[in-house]
Amino acid sequence: SCAASGFIFKIYTMGWYRQAPGKQRDFVARVTSG
């Protein structure tokens, strides 16, 4: 879960990324406002 605050959450695309030790941060998934 990711709890968000401080902006108008409902109008923004949100994403998940992951980073393993020694590796770059990689895209996992995103979801649009809709």
PDB file of all heavy atoms in Angstrom:
ATOM      1  N   SER A   1       0.837  -1.185   0.000  1.00  0.00           N
ATOM      2  CA  SER A   1       0.000   0.000   0.000  1.00  0.00           C
ATOM      3  C   SER A   1       0.877   1.242   0.000  1.00  0.00           C
ATOM      4  O   SER A   1       1.980   1.232   0.544  1.00  0.00           O
ATOM      5  CB  SER A   1      -0.912   0.031   1.229  1.00  0.00           C
ATOM      6  OG  SER A   1      -1.795  -1.059   1.249  1.00  0.00           O
ATOM      7  N   CYS A   2       0.383   2.295  -0.598  1.00  0.00           N
ATOM      8  CA  CYS A   2       1.042   3.595  -0.577  1.00  0.00           C
ATOM      9  C   CYS A   2       0.003   4.634  -0.219  1.00  0.00           C
ATOM     10  O   CYS A   2      -0.923   4.888  -1.004  1.00  0.00           O
ATOM     11  CB  CYS A   2       1.681   3.907  -1.923  1.00  0.00           C
ATOM     12  SG  CYS A   2       2.347   5.580  -2.065  1.00  0.00           S
ATOM     13  N   ALA A   3       0.152   5.220   0.951  1.00  0.00           N
ATOM     14  CA  ALA A   3      -0.745   6.270   1.406  1.00  0.00           C
ATOM     15  C   ALA A   3      -0.175   7.616   1.000  1.00  0.00           C
ATOM     16  O   ALA A   3       0.971   7.935   1.316  1.00  0.00           O
ATOM     17  CB  ALA A   3      -0.921   6.191   2.916  1.00  0.00           C
ATOM     18  N   ALA A   4      -0.973   8.408   0.311  1.00  0.00           N
ATOM     19  CA  ALA A   4      -0.520   9.670  -0.253  1.00  0.00           C
ATOM     20  C   ALA A   4      -1.206  10.851   0.411  1.00  0.00           C
ATOM     21  O   ALA A   4      -2.371  10.773   0.806  1.00  0.00           O
ATOM     22  CB  ALA A   4      -0.781   9.708  -1.757  1.00  0.00           C
ATOM     23  N   SER A   5      -0.476  11.954   0.502  1.00  0.00           N
ATOM     24  CA  SER A   5      -1.041  13.189   1.026  1.00  0.00           C
ATOM     25  C   SER A   5      -0.252  14.368   0.478  1.00  0.00           C
ATOM     26  O   SER A   5       0.847  14.208  -0.053  1.00  0.00           O
ATOM     27  CB  SER A   5      -1.032  13.200   2.560  1.00  0.00           C
ATOM     28  OG  SER A   5       0.289  13.122   3.068  1.00  0.00           O
ATOM     29  N   GLY A   6      -0.821  15.559   0.587  1.00  0.00           N
ATOM     30  CA  GLY A   6      -0.126  16.774   0.189  1.00  0.00           C
ATOM     31  C   GLY A   6      -0.323  17.192  -1.256  1.00  0.00           C
ATOM     32  O   GLY A   6       0.300  18.166  -1.695  1.00  0.00           O
ATOM     33  N   PHE A   7      -1.168  16.494  -1.985  1.00  0.00           N
ATOM     34  CA  PHE A   7      -1.479  16.854  -3.365  1.00  0.00           C
ATOM     35  C   PHE A   7      -2.833  16.283  -3.722  1.00  0.00           C
ATOM     36  O   PHE A   7      -3.401  15.478  -2.972  1.00  0.00           O
ATOM     37  CB  PHE A   7      -0.393  16.375  -4.328  1.00  0.00           C
ATOM     38  CG  PHE A   7      -0.237  14.882  -4.393  1.00  0.00           C
ATOM     39  CD1 PHE A   7      -0.797  14.151  -5.431  1.00  0.00           C
ATOM     40  CD2 PHE A   7       0.469  14.201  -3.415  1.00  0.00           C
ATOM     41  CE1 PHE A   7      -0.649  12.773  -5.500  1.00  0.00           C
ATOM     42  CE2 PHE A   7       0.622  12.828  -3.466  1.00  0.00           C
ATOM     43  CZ  PHE A   7       0.063  12.115  -4.517  1.00  0.00           C
ATOM     44  N   ILE A   8      -3.349  16.705  -4.874  1.00  0.00           N
ATOM     45  CA  ILE A   8      -4.671  16.241  -5.295  1.00  0.00           C
ATOM     46  C   ILE A   8      -4.493  14.874  -5.947  1.00  0.00           C
ATOM     47  O   ILE A   8      -4.338  14.747  -7.162  1.00  0.00           O
ATOM     48  CB  ILE A   8      -5.338  17.245  -6.236  1.00  0.00           C
ATOM     49  CG1 ILE A   8      -5.359  18.644  -5.600  1.00  0.00           C
ATOM     50  CG2 ILE A   8      -6.762  16.797  -6.563  1.00  0.00           C
ATOM     51  CD1 ILE A   8      -5.864  19.729  -6.528  1.00  0.00           C
ATOM     52  N   PHE A   9      -4.539  13.860  -5.118  1.00  0.00           N
ATOM     53  CA  PHE A   9      -4.204  12.495  -5.521  1.00  0.00           C
ATOM     54  C   PHE A   9      -4.989  12.035  -6.741  1.00  0.00           C
ATOM     55  O   PHE A   9      -4.436  11.419  -7.656  1.00  0.00           O
ATOM     56  CB  PHE A   9      -4.454  11.558  -4.331  1.00  0.00           C
ATOM     57  CG  PHE A   9      -4.236  10.102  -4.619  1.00  0.00           C
ATOM     58  CD1 PHE A   9      -2.972   9.553  -4.549  1.00  0.00           C
ATOM     59  CD2 PHE A   9      -5.306   9.287  -4.948  1.00  0.00           C
ATOM     60  CE1 PHE A   9      -2.765   8.204  -4.796  1.00  0.00           C
ATOM     61  CE2 PHE A   9      -5.114   7.939  -5.197  1.00  0.00           C
ATOM     62  CZ  PHE A   9      -3.844   7.397  -5.125  1.00  0.00           C
ATOM     63  N   LYS A  10      -6.258  12.321  -6.768  1.00  0.00           N
ATOM     64  CA  LYS A  10      -7.155  11.714  -7.749  1.00  0.00           C
ATOM     65  C   LYS A  10      -6.875  12.110  -9.192  1.00  0.00           C
ATOM     66  O   LYS A  10      -7.372  11.450 -10.114  1.00  0.00           O
ATOM     67  CB  LYS A  10      -8.610  12.026  -7.409  1.00  0.00           C
ATOM     68  CG  LYS A  10      -8.980  13.491  -7.536  1.00  0.00           C
ATOM     69  CD  LYS A  10     -10.439  13.711  -7.143  1.00  0.00           C
ATOM     70  CE  LYS A  10     -10.841  15.169  -7.279  1.00  0.00           C
ATOM     71  NZ  LYS A  10     -12.259  15.386  -6.887  1.00  0.00           N
ATOM     72  N   ILE A  11      -6.089  13.164  -9.434  1.00  0.00           N
ATOM     73  CA  ILE A  11      -5.837  13.608 -10.802  1.00  0.00           C
ATOM     74  C   ILE A  11      -4.490  13.133 -11.356  1.00  0.00           C
ATOM     75  O   ILE A  11      -4.181  13.396 -12.518  1.00  0.00           O
ATOM     76  CB  ILE A  11      -5.923  15.138 -10.927  1.00  0.00           C
ATOM     77  CG1 ILE A  11      -4.753  15.831 -10.235  1.00  0.00           C
ATOM     78  CG2 ILE A  11      -7.260  15.639 -10.388  1.00  0.00           C
ATOM     79  CD1 ILE A  11      -4.701  17.328 -10.494  1.00  0.00           C
ATOM     80  N   TYR A  12      -3.711  12.416 -10.556  1.00  0.00           N
ATOM     81  CA  TYR A  12      -2.360  12.039 -10.968  1.00  0.00           C
ATOM     82  C   TYR A  12      -2.212  10.549 -11.221  1.00  0.00           C
ATOM     83  O   TYR A  12      -2.778   9.716 -10.502  1.00  0.00           O
ATOM     84  CB  TYR A  12      -1.346  12.456  -9.903  1.00  0.00           C
ATOM     85  CG  TYR A  12      -1.121  13.946  -9.846  1.00  0.00           C
ATOM     86  CD1 TYR A  12      -1.767  14.720  -8.885  1.00  0.00           C
ATOM     87  CD2 TYR A  12      -0.280  14.573 -10.752  1.00  0.00           C
ATOM     88  CE1 TYR A  12      -1.565  16.092  -8.836  1.00  0.00           C
ATOM     89  CE2 TYR A  12      -0.081  15.940 -10.708  1.00  0.00           C
ATOM     90  CZ  TYR A  12      -0.726  16.693  -9.745  1.00  0.00           C
ATOM     91  OH  TYR A  12      -0.526  18.047  -9.692  1.00  0.00           O
ATOM     92  N   THR A  13      -1.413  10.227 -12.227  1.00  0.00           N
ATOM     93  CA  THR A  13      -0.948   8.860 -12.403  1.00  0.00           C
ATOM     94  C   THR A  13       0.044   8.516 -11.290  1.00  0.00           C
ATOM     95  O   THR A  13       0.910   9.318 -10.952  1.00  0.00           O
ATOM     96  CB  THR A  13      -0.275   8.698 -13.773  1.00  0.00           C
ATOM     97  OG1 THR A  13      -1.258   8.872 -14.799  1.00  0.00           O
ATOM     98  CG2 THR A  13       0.364   7.326 -13.925  1.00  0.00           C
ATOM     99  N   MET A  14      -0.097   7.320 -10.730  1.00  0.00           N
ATOM    100  CA  MET A  14       0.790   6.846  -9.677  1.00  0.00           C
ATOM    101  C   MET A  14       1.532   5.606 -10.150  1.00  0.00           C
ATOM    102  O   MET A  14       1.012   4.823 -10.945  1.00  0.00           O
ATOM    103  CB  MET A  14       0.003   6.520  -8.410  1.00  0.00           C
ATOM    104  CG  MET A  14      -0.769   7.692  -7.824  1.00  0.00           C
ATOM    105  SD  MET A  14       0.309   9.038  -7.249  1.00  0.00           S
ATOM    106  CE  MET A  14       1.220   8.206  -5.952  1.00  0.00           C
ATOM    107  N   GLY A  15       2.741   5.437  -9.640  1.00  0.00           N
ATOM    108  CA  GLY A  15       3.557   4.315 -10.065  1.00  0.00           C
ATOM    109  C   GLY A  15       4.208   3.574  -8.920  1.00  0.00           C
ATOM    110  O   GLY A  15       4.327   4.081  -7.805  1.00  0.00           O
ATOM    111  N   TRP A  16       4.614   2.343  -9.217  1.00  0.00           N
ATOM    112  CA  TRP A  16       5.455   1.536  -8.340  1.00  0.00           C
ATOM    113  C   TRP A  16       6.755   1.217  -9.070  1.00  0.00           C
ATOM    114  O   TRP A  16       6.733   0.834 -10.252  1.00  0.00           O
ATOM    115  CB  TRP A  16       4.777   0.231  -7.931  1.00  0.00           C
ATOM    116  CG  TRP A  16       3.695   0.373  -6.911  1.00  0.00           C
ATOM    117  CD1 TRP A  16       2.362   0.451  -7.131  1.00  0.00           C
ATOM    118  CD2 TRP A  16       3.867   0.435  -5.491  1.00  0.00           C
ATOM    119  NE1 TRP A  16       1.678   0.557  -5.950  1.00  0.00           N
ATOM    120  CE2 TRP A  16       2.578   0.552  -4.921  1.00  0.00           C
ATOM    121  CE3 TRP A  16       4.972   0.401  -4.647  1.00  0.00           C
ATOM    122  CZ2 TRP A  16       2.372   0.634  -3.541  1.00  0.00           C
ATOM    123  CZ3 TRP A  16       4.769   0.489  -3.278  1.00  0.00           C
ATOM    124  CH2 TRP A  16       3.483   0.603  -2.745  1.00  0.00           C
ATOM    125  N   TYR A  17       7.859   1.362  -8.351  1.00  0.00           N
ATOM    126  CA  TYR A  17       9.183   0.996  -8.833  1.00  0.00           C
ATOM    127  C   TYR A  17       9.845   0.098  -7.804  1.00  0.00           C
ATOM    128  O   TYR A  17       9.402   0.023  -6.655  1.00  0.00           O
ATOM    129  CB  TYR A  17      10.044   2.241  -9.059  1.00  0.00           C
ATOM    130  CG  TYR A  17       9.647   3.089 -10.246  1.00  0.00           C
ATOM    131  CD1 TYR A  17       8.464   3.820 -10.250  1.00  0.00           C
ATOM    132  CD2 TYR A  17      10.470   3.171 -11.370  1.00  0.00           C
ATOM    133  CE1 TYR A  17       8.105   4.594 -11.333  1.00  0.00           C
ATOM    134  CE2 TYR A  17      10.120   3.951 -12.454  1.00  0.00           C
ATOM    135  CZ  TYR A  17       8.939   4.660 -12.429  1.00  0.00           C
ATOM    136  OH  TYR A  17       8.591   5.438 -13.508  1.00  0.00           O
ATOM    137  N   ARG A  18      10.909  -0.576  -8.224  1.00  0.00           N
ATOM    138  CA  ARG A  18      11.657  -1.395  -7.277  1.00  0.00           C
ATOM    139  C   ARG A  18      13.145  -1.299  -7.558  1.00  0.00           C
ATOM    140  O   ARG A  18      13.564  -1.042  -8.685  1.00  0.00           O
ATOM    141  CB  ARG A  18      11.193  -2.855  -7.320  1.00  0.00           C
ATOM    142  CG  ARG A  18      11.459  -3.572  -8.634  1.00  0.00           C
ATOM    143  CD  ARG A  18      10.799  -4.936  -8.617  1.00  0.00           C
ATOM    144  NE  ARG A  18      11.040  -5.687  -9.841  1.00  0.00           N
ATOM    145  CZ  ARG A  18      10.477  -6.846 -10.130  1.00  0.00           C
ATOM    146  NH1 ARG A  18       9.621  -7.404  -9.268  1.00  0.00           N
ATOM    147  NH2 ARG A  18      10.759  -7.463 -11.271  1.00  0.00           N
ATOM    148  N   GLN A  19      13.929  -1.537  -6.510  1.00  0.00           N
ATOM    149  CA  GLN A  19      15.376  -1.446  -6.623  1.00  0.00           C
ATOM    150  C   GLN A  19      16.019  -2.535  -5.772  1.00  0.00           C
ATOM    151  O   GLN A  19      15.834  -2.567  -4.558  1.00  0.00           O
ATOM    152  CB  GLN A  19      15.875  -0.075  -6.181  1.00  0.00           C
ATOM    153  CG  GLN A  19      17.354   0.153  -6.420  1.00  0.00           C
ATOM    154  CD  GLN A  19      17.747   1.599  -6.215  1.00  0.00           C
ATOM    155  OE1 GLN A  19      17.072   2.346  -5.520  1.00  0.00           O
ATOM    156  NE2 GLN A  19      18.848   2.006  -6.829  1.00  0.00           N
ATOM    157  N   ALA A  20      16.757  -3.411  -6.424  1.00  0.00           N
ATOM    158  CA  ALA A  20      17.529  -4.432  -5.743  1.00  0.00           C
ATOM    159  C   ALA A  20      18.925  -3.893  -5.458  1.00  0.00           C
ATOM    160  O   ALA A  20      19.394  -2.964  -6.127  1.00  0.00           O
ATOM    161  CB  ALA A  20      17.609  -5.694  -6.597  1.00  0.00           C
ATOM    162  N   PRO A  21      19.624  -4.466  -4.467  1.00  0.00           N
ATOM    163  CA  PRO A  21      20.972  -3.978  -4.146  1.00  0.00           C
ATOM    164  C   PRO A  21      21.890  -3.992  -5.359  1.00  0.00           C
ATOM    165  O   PRO A  21      21.963  -4.986  -6.085  1.00  0.00           O
ATOM    166  CB  PRO A  21      21.448  -4.961  -3.077  1.00  0.00           C
ATOM    167  CG  PRO A  21      20.196  -5.450  -2.433  1.00  0.00           C
ATOM    168  CD  PRO A  21      19.190  -5.532  -3.552  1.00  0.00           C
ATOM    169  N   GLY A  22      22.580  -2.885  -5.588  1.00  0.00           N
ATOM    170  CA  GLY A  22      23.515  -2.780  -6.688  1.00  0.00           C
ATOM    171  C   GLY A  22      22.898  -2.567  -8.051  1.00  0.00           C
ATOM    172  O   GLY A  22      23.624  -2.546  -9.050  1.00  0.00           O
ATOM    173  N   LYS A  23      21.580  -2.418  -8.115  1.00  0.00           N
ATOM    174  CA  LYS A  23      20.905  -2.243  -9.384  1.00  0.00           C
ATOM    175  C   LYS A  23      20.149  -0.918  -9.417  1.00  0.00           C
ATOM    176  O   LYS A  23      19.913  -0.292  -8.388  1.00  0.00           O
ATOM    177  CB  LYS A  23      19.940  -3.399  -9.642  1.00  0.00           C
ATOM    178  CG  LYS A  23      20.614  -4.757  -9.762  1.00  0.00           C
ATOM    179  CD  LYS A  23      19.624  -5.844 -10.125  1.00  0.00           C
ATOM    180  CE  LYS A  23      20.305  -7.182 -10.294  1.00  0.00           C
ATOM    181  NZ  LYS A  23      19.336  -8.250 -10.654  1.00  0.00           N
ATOM    182  N   GLN A  24      19.771  -0.510 -10.615  1.00  0.00           N
ATOM    183  CA  GLN A  24      19.014   0.721 -10.769  1.00  0.00           C
ATOM    184  C   GLN A  24      17.565   0.512 -10.347  1.00  0.00           C
ATOM    185  O   GLN A  24      17.086  -0.622 -10.233  1.00  0.00           O
ATOM    186  CB  GLN A  24      19.082   1.216 -12.211  1.00  0.00           C
ATOM    187  CG  GLN A  24      18.390   0.324 -13.215  1.00  0.00           C
ATOM    188  CD  GLN A  24      18.475   0.849 -14.637  1.00  0.00           C
ATOM    189  OE1 GLN A  24      19.025   1.922 -14.879  1.00  0.00           O
ATOM    190  NE2 GLN A  24      17.936   0.110 -15.571  1.00  0.00           N
ATOM    191  N   ARG A  25      16.895   1.615 -10.139  1.00  0.00           N
ATOM    192  CA  ARG A  25      15.485   1.565  -9.810  1.00  0.00           C
ATOM    193  C   ARG A  25      14.673   1.348 -11.083  1.00  0.00           C
ATOM    194  O   ARG A  25      14.767   2.130 -12.032  1.00  0.00           O
ATOM    195  CB  ARG A  25      15.072   2.864  -9.108  1.00  0.00           C
ATOM    196  CG  ARG A  25      13.685   2.832  -8.518  1.00  0.00           C
ATOM    197  CD  ARG A  25      13.431   4.055  -7.637  1.00  0.00           C
ATOM    198  NE  ARG A  25      14.336   4.106  -6.501  1.00  0.00           N
ATOM    199  CZ  ARG A  25      14.253   4.997  -5.524  1.00  0.00           C
ATOM    200  NH1 ARG A  25      13.311   5.918  -5.539  1.00  0.00           N
ATOM    201  NH2 ARG A  25      15.137   4.975  -4.529  1.00  0.00           N
ATOM    202  N   ASP A  26      13.875   0.294 -11.098  1.00  0.00           N
ATOM    203  CA  ASP A  26      13.151  -0.109 -12.296  1.00  0.00           C
ATOM    204  C   ASP A  26      11.650   0.092 -12.141  1.00  0.00           C
ATOM    205  O   ASP A  26      11.078  -0.106 -11.069  1.00  0.00           O
ATOM    206  CB  ASP A  26      13.405  -1.579 -12.621  1.00  0.00           C
ATOM    207  CG  ASP A  26      14.819  -1.854 -13.086  1.00  0.00           C
ATOM    208  OD1 ASP A  26      15.432  -0.955 -13.690  1.00  0.00           O
ATOM    209  OD2 ASP A  26      15.313  -2.978 -12.855  1.00  0.00           O
ATOM    210  N   PHE A  27      11.028   0.427 -13.241  1.00  0.00           N
ATOM    211  CA  PHE A  27       9.583   0.548 -13.307  1.00  0.00           C
ATOM    212  C   PHE A  27       8.924  -0.806 -13.102  1.00  0.00           C
ATOM    213  O   PHE A  27       9.357  -1.815 -13.664  1.00  0.00           O
ATOM    214  CB  PHE A  27       9.190   1.126 -14.667  1.00  0.00           C
ATOM    215  CG  PHE A  27       7.726   1.052 -14.973  1.00  0.00           C
ATOM    216  CD1 PHE A  27       6.838   1.948 -14.401  1.00  0.00           C
ATOM    217  CD2 PHE A  27       7.232   0.087 -15.830  1.00  0.00           C
ATOM    218  CE1 PHE A  27       5.485   1.884 -14.683  1.00  0.00           C
ATOM    219  CE2 PHE A  27       5.880   0.016 -16.121  1.00  0.00           C
ATOM    220  CZ  PHE A  27       5.008   0.917 -15.543  1.00  0.00           C
ATOM    221  N   VAL A  28       7.852  -0.822 -12.319  1.00  0.00           N
ATOM    222  CA  VAL A  28       7.063  -2.021 -12.090  1.00  0.00           C
ATOM    223  C   VAL A  28       5.666  -1.880 -12.677  1.00  0.00           C
ATOM    224  O   VAL A  28       5.213  -2.724 -13.457  1.00  0.00           O
ATOM    225  CB  VAL A  28       6.968  -2.361 -10.594  1.00  0.00           C
ATOM    226  CG1 VAL A  28       6.033  -3.546 -10.370  1.00  0.00           C
ATOM    227  CG2 VAL A  28       8.347  -2.650 -10.027  1.00  0.00           C
ATOM    228  N   ALA A  29       4.969  -0.819 -12.299  1.00  0.00           N
ATOM    229  CA  ALA A  29       3.594  -0.622 -12.743  1.00  0.00           C
ATOM    230  C   ALA A  29       3.182   0.819 -12.527  1.00  0.00           C
ATOM    231  O   ALA A  29       3.761   1.522 -11.696  1.00  0.00           O
ATOM    232  CB  ALA A  29       2.636  -1.556 -11.995  1.00  0.00           C
ATOM    233  N   ARG A  30       2.188   1.257 -13.273  1.00  0.00           N
ATOM    234  CA  ARG A  30       1.588   2.562 -13.038  1.00  0.00           C
ATOM    235  C   ARG A  30       0.099   2.457 -13.294  1.00  0.00           C
ATOM    236  O   ARG A  30      -0.376   1.560 -13.993  1.00  0.00           O
ATOM    237  CB  ARG A  30       2.204   3.653 -13.911  1.00  0.00           C
ATOM    238  CG  ARG A  30       1.972   3.489 -15.401  1.00  0.00           C
ATOM    239  CD  ARG A  30       2.529   4.686 -16.169  1.00  0.00           C
ATOM    240  NE  ARG A  30       2.277   4.593 -17.605  1.00  0.00           N
ATOM    241  CZ  ARG A  30       3.135   4.128 -18.491  1.00  0.00           C
ATOM    242  NH1 ARG A  30       4.337   3.705 -18.114  1.00  0.00           N
ATOM    243  NH2 ARG A  30       2.805   4.084 -19.781  1.00  0.00           N
ATOM    244  N   VAL A  31      -0.641   3.382 -12.727  1.00  0.00           N
ATOM    245  CA  VAL A  31      -2.076   3.420 -12.910  1.00  0.00           C
ATOM    246  C   VAL A  31      -2.510   4.874 -13.067  1.00  0.00           C
ATOM    247  O   VAL A  31      -2.106   5.744 -12.291  1.00  0.00           O
ATOM    248  CB  VAL A  31      -2.816   2.715 -11.744  1.00  0.00           C
ATOM    249  CG1 VAL A  31      -2.500   3.355 -10.394  1.00  0.00           C
ATOM    250  CG2 VAL A  31      -4.312   2.681 -11.997  1.00  0.00           C
ATOM    251  N   THR A  32      -3.308   5.149 -14.076  1.00  0.00           N
ATOM    252  CA  THR A  32      -3.759   6.504 -14.333  1.00  0.00           C
ATOM    253  C   THR A  32      -4.808   6.921 -13.318  1.00  0.00           C
ATOM    254  O   THR A  32      -5.307   6.122 -12.526  1.00  0.00           O
ATOM    255  CB  THR A  32      -4.348   6.631 -15.741  1.00  0.00           C
ATOM    256  OG1 THR A  32      -5.580   5.905 -15.802  1.00  0.00           O
ATOM    257  CG2 THR A  32      -3.387   6.108 -16.796  1.00  0.00           C
ATOM    258  N   SER A  33      -5.155   8.201 -13.371  1.00  0.00           N
ATOM    259  CA  SER A  33      -6.175   8.712 -12.467  1.00  0.00           C
ATOM    260  C   SER A  33      -7.503   7.984 -12.628  1.00  0.00           C
ATOM    261  O   SER A  33      -8.257   7.845 -11.664  1.00  0.00           O
ATOM    262  CB  SER A  33      -6.373  10.213 -12.694  1.00  0.00           C
ATOM    263  OG  SER A  33      -6.801  10.480 -14.017  1.00  0.00           O
ATOM    264  N   GLY A  34      -7.769   7.503 -13.832  1.00  0.00           N
ATOM    265  CA  GLY A  34      -9.000   6.777 -14.104  1.00  0.00           C
ATOM    266  C   GLY A  34      -8.926   5.287 -13.865  1.00  0.00           C
ATOM    267  O   GLY A  34      -9.928   4.588 -14.054  1.00  0.00           O
TER     268      GLY A  34
END
